[in-house]
């Protein structure tokens, strides 16, 4: 059996096991806390799995996999800073002085 064949066999089994474990965990925690604290109804297993799916849809990645969003946001920040630096360096000394005066006047008006 090749590695790919092993992955094709064991990944679905692993996925079902993780969903079952998370569903049972949510069901147990919900049924332990929510009815006594807030008077909410008890959940079945499938309702707890549905709650997990709903949370995943509303919140997004719940700590699984890679976090591409933060990685791209970092590059966007750095690109913006690089663009600002390039614009600053291409300005004449008079333009820089004018911008600094505007920024200083805004700071003094906010105080």
C-alpha atoms as a PDB file:
ATOM      1  CA  UNK A   1       0.000   0.000   0.000  1.00  0.00           C
ATOM      2  CA  UNK A   2       1.452   3.368  -0.999  1.00  0.00           C
ATOM      3  CA  UNK A   3       1.392   6.442   1.206  1.00  0.00           C
ATOM      4  CA  UNK A   4      -1.339   8.001  -0.924  1.00  0.00           C
ATOM      5  CA  UNK A   5      -3.524   4.897  -0.588  1.00  0.00           C
ATOM      6  CA  UNK A   6      -3.004   4.910   3.174  1.00  0.00           C
ATOM      7  CA  UNK A   7      -4.061   8.566   3.330  1.00  0.00           C
ATOM      8  CA  UNK A   8      -7.135   7.846   1.228  1.00  0.00           C
ATOM      9  CA  UNK A   9      -8.146   5.082   3.647  1.00  0.00           C
ATOM     10  CA  UNK A  10      -7.285   6.656   6.984  1.00  0.00           C
ATOM     11  CA  UNK A  11      -8.172  10.317   6.407  1.00  0.00           C
ATOM     12  CA  UNK A  12     -11.951   9.732   6.211  1.00  0.00           C
ATOM     13  CA  UNK A  13     -11.778   7.518   9.291  1.00  0.00           C
ATOM     14  CA  UNK A  14      -9.756  10.173  11.131  1.00  0.00           C
ATOM     15  CA  UNK A  15     -12.193  12.910  10.017  1.00  0.00           C
ATOM     16  CA  UNK A  16     -15.233  10.958  11.250  1.00  0.00           C
ATOM     17  CA  UNK A  17     -13.453  10.270  14.548  1.00  0.00           C
ATOM     18  CA  UNK A  18     -12.584  13.951  15.071  1.00  0.00           C
ATOM     19  CA  UNK A  19     -16.154  15.057  14.249  1.00  0.00           C
ATOM     20  CA  UNK A  20     -17.543  12.433  16.644  1.00  0.00           C
ATOM     21  CA  UNK A  21     -15.153  13.483  19.413  1.00  0.00           C
ATOM     22  CA  UNK A  22     -15.873  17.200  18.954  1.00  0.00           C
ATOM     23  CA  UNK A  23     -19.620  16.564  18.693  1.00  0.00           C
ATOM     24  CA  UNK A  24     -19.603  14.550  21.918  1.00  0.00           C
ATOM     25  CA  UNK A  25     -17.510  17.215  23.647  1.00  0.00           C
ATOM     26  CA  UNK A  26     -19.867  20.025  22.626  1.00  0.00           C
ATOM     27  CA  UNK A  27     -22.908  17.946  23.587  1.00  0.00           C
ATOM     28  CA  UNK A  28     -21.450  17.092  26.997  1.00  0.00           C
ATOM     29  CA  UNK A  29     -20.394  20.669  27.773  1.00  0.00           C
ATOM     30  CA  UNK A  30     -23.673  22.154  26.535  1.00  0.00           C
ATOM     31  CA  UNK A  31     -25.835  19.655  28.428  1.00  0.00           C
ATOM     32  CA  UNK A  32     -23.752  20.156  31.564  1.00  0.00           C
ATOM     33  CA  UNK A  33     -23.769  23.971  31.571  1.00  0.00           C
ATOM     34  CA  UNK A  34     -26.454  25.566  29.436  1.00  0.00           C
ATOM     35  CA  UNK A  35     -29.653  24.015  30.857  1.00  0.00           C
ATOM     36  CA  UNK A  36     -28.681  24.785  34.454  1.00  0.00           C
ATOM     37  CA  UNK A  37     -27.264  28.281  33.813  1.00  0.00           C
ATOM     38  CA  UNK A  38     -29.605  29.655  31.140  1.00  0.00           C
ATOM     39  CA  UNK A  39     -32.489  27.176  31.126  1.00  0.00           C
ATOM     40  CA  UNK A  40     -31.784  26.155  27.528  1.00  0.00           C
ATOM     41  CA  UNK A  41     -32.846  22.743  26.176  1.00  0.00           C
ATOM     42  CA  UNK A  42     -30.590  19.696  26.106  1.00  0.00           C
ATOM     43  CA  UNK A  43     -28.830  18.951  22.787  1.00  0.00           C
ATOM     44  CA  UNK A  44     -28.653  15.682  20.913  1.00  0.00           C
ATOM     45  CA  UNK A  45     -25.435  14.535  19.254  1.00  0.00           C
ATOM     46  CA  UNK A  46     -26.539  15.693  15.800  1.00  0.00           C
ATOM     47  CA  UNK A  47     -27.628  19.079  17.143  1.00  0.00           C
ATOM     48  CA  UNK A  48     -24.185  19.538  18.678  1.00  0.00           C
ATOM     49  CA  UNK A  49     -22.514  18.616  15.369  1.00  0.00           C
ATOM     50  CA  UNK A  50     -24.817  21.128  13.676  1.00  0.00           C
ATOM     51  CA  UNK A  51     -23.781  23.734  16.242  1.00  0.00           C
ATOM     52  CA  UNK A  52     -20.131  23.035  15.412  1.00  0.00           C
ATOM     53  CA  UNK A  53     -20.824  23.500  11.693  1.00  0.00           C
ATOM     54  CA  UNK A  54     -22.738  26.725  12.396  1.00  0.00           C
ATOM     55  CA  UNK A  55     -19.862  28.083  14.500  1.00  0.00           C
ATOM     56  CA  UNK A  56     -17.424  27.142  11.746  1.00  0.00           C
ATOM     57  CA  UNK A  57     -19.519  29.025   9.185  1.00  0.00           C
ATOM     58  CA  UNK A  58     -19.978  32.103  11.366  1.00  0.00           C
ATOM     59  CA  UNK A  59     -16.526  32.371  12.937  1.00  0.00           C
ATOM     60  CA  UNK A  60     -14.342  30.772  10.309  1.00  0.00           C
ATOM     61  CA  UNK A  61     -11.281  28.701  11.036  1.00  0.00           C
ATOM     62  CA  UNK A  62     -11.456  27.326  14.570  1.00  0.00           C
ATOM     63  CA  UNK A  63      -7.737  26.715  14.985  1.00  0.00           C
ATOM     64  CA  UNK A  64      -7.324  23.981  12.375  1.00  0.00           C
ATOM     65  CA  UNK A  65      -4.991  24.254   9.412  1.00  0.00           C
ATOM     66  CA  UNK A  66      -2.904  27.223   8.453  1.00  0.00           C
ATOM     67  CA  UNK A  67      -3.846  30.821   9.070  1.00  0.00           C
ATOM     68  CA  UNK A  68      -3.431  32.426   5.663  1.00  0.00           C
ATOM     69  CA  UNK A  69      -5.514  35.485   6.500  1.00  0.00           C
ATOM     70  CA  UNK A  70      -3.085  36.784   9.103  1.00  0.00           C
ATOM     71  CA  UNK A  71      -0.157  36.032   6.816  1.00  0.00           C
ATOM     72  CA  UNK A  72      -1.667  38.043   3.950  1.00  0.00           C
ATOM     73  CA  UNK A  73      -2.693  40.861   6.271  1.00  0.00           C
ATOM     74  CA  UNK A  74       0.940  41.126   7.407  1.00  0.00           C
ATOM     75  CA  UNK A  75       2.163  41.428   3.817  1.00  0.00           C
ATOM     76  CA  UNK A  76      -0.487  44.050   3.082  1.00  0.00           C
ATOM     77  CA  UNK A  77       0.742  46.065   6.067  1.00  0.00           C
ATOM     78  CA  UNK A  78       4.351  45.802   4.951  1.00  0.00           C
ATOM     79  CA  UNK A  79       3.463  46.716   1.369  1.00  0.00           C
ATOM     80  CA  UNK A  80       1.604  49.805   2.589  1.00  0.00           C
ATOM     81  CA  UNK A  81       4.592  50.838   4.691  1.00  0.00           C
ATOM     82  CA  UNK A  82       6.933  50.317   1.752  1.00  0.00           C
ATOM     83  CA  UNK A  83       4.666  52.374  -0.494  1.00  0.00           C
ATOM     84  CA  UNK A  84       4.533  55.190   2.071  1.00  0.00           C
ATOM     85  CA  UNK A  85       8.301  55.119   2.459  1.00  0.00           C
ATOM     86  CA  UNK A  86       8.777  55.289  -1.308  1.00  0.00           C
ATOM     87  CA  UNK A  87       6.361  58.225  -1.571  1.00  0.00           C
ATOM     88  CA  UNK A  88       8.117  60.019   1.312  1.00  0.00           C
ATOM     89  CA  UNK A  89      11.531  59.547  -0.284  1.00  0.00           C
ATOM     90  CA  UNK A  90      10.294  60.854  -3.631  1.00  0.00           C
ATOM     91  CA  UNK A  91       9.020  64.125  -2.063  1.00  0.00           C
ATOM     92  CA  UNK A  92      10.933  67.345  -2.098  1.00  0.00           C
ATOM     93  CA  UNK A  93      12.070  68.800   1.251  1.00  0.00           C
ATOM     94  CA  UNK A  94       9.344  71.458   0.962  1.00  0.00           C
ATOM     95  CA  UNK A  95       6.609  68.807   0.510  1.00  0.00           C
ATOM     96  CA  UNK A  96       7.916  66.856   3.520  1.00  0.00           C
ATOM     97  CA  UNK A  97       7.961  70.005   5.653  1.00  0.00           C
ATOM     98  CA  UNK A  98       4.381  70.826   4.604  1.00  0.00           C
ATOM     99  CA  UNK A  99       3.147  67.350   5.554  1.00  0.00           C
ATOM    100  CA  UNK A 100       4.948  67.439   8.903  1.00  0.00           C
ATOM    101  CA  UNK A 101       3.395  70.827   9.690  1.00  0.00           C
ATOM    102  CA  UNK A 102      -0.078  69.491   8.872  1.00  0.00           C
ATOM    103  CA  UNK A 103       0.483  66.449  11.081  1.00  0.00           C
ATOM    104  CA  UNK A 104       1.775  68.583  13.955  1.00  0.00           C
ATOM    105  CA  UNK A 105      -1.213  70.942  13.699  1.00  0.00           C
ATOM    106  CA  UNK A 106      -3.583  67.947  13.823  1.00  0.00           C
ATOM    107  CA  UNK A 107      -1.810  66.584  16.911  1.00  0.00           C
ATOM    108  CA  UNK A 108      -2.037  69.910  18.739  1.00  0.00           C
ATOM    109  CA  UNK A 109      -5.754  70.281  17.892  1.00  0.00           C
ATOM    110  CA  UNK A 110      -6.507  66.781  19.307  1.00  0.00           C
ATOM    111  CA  UNK A 111      -5.018  67.586  22.711  1.00  0.00           C
END
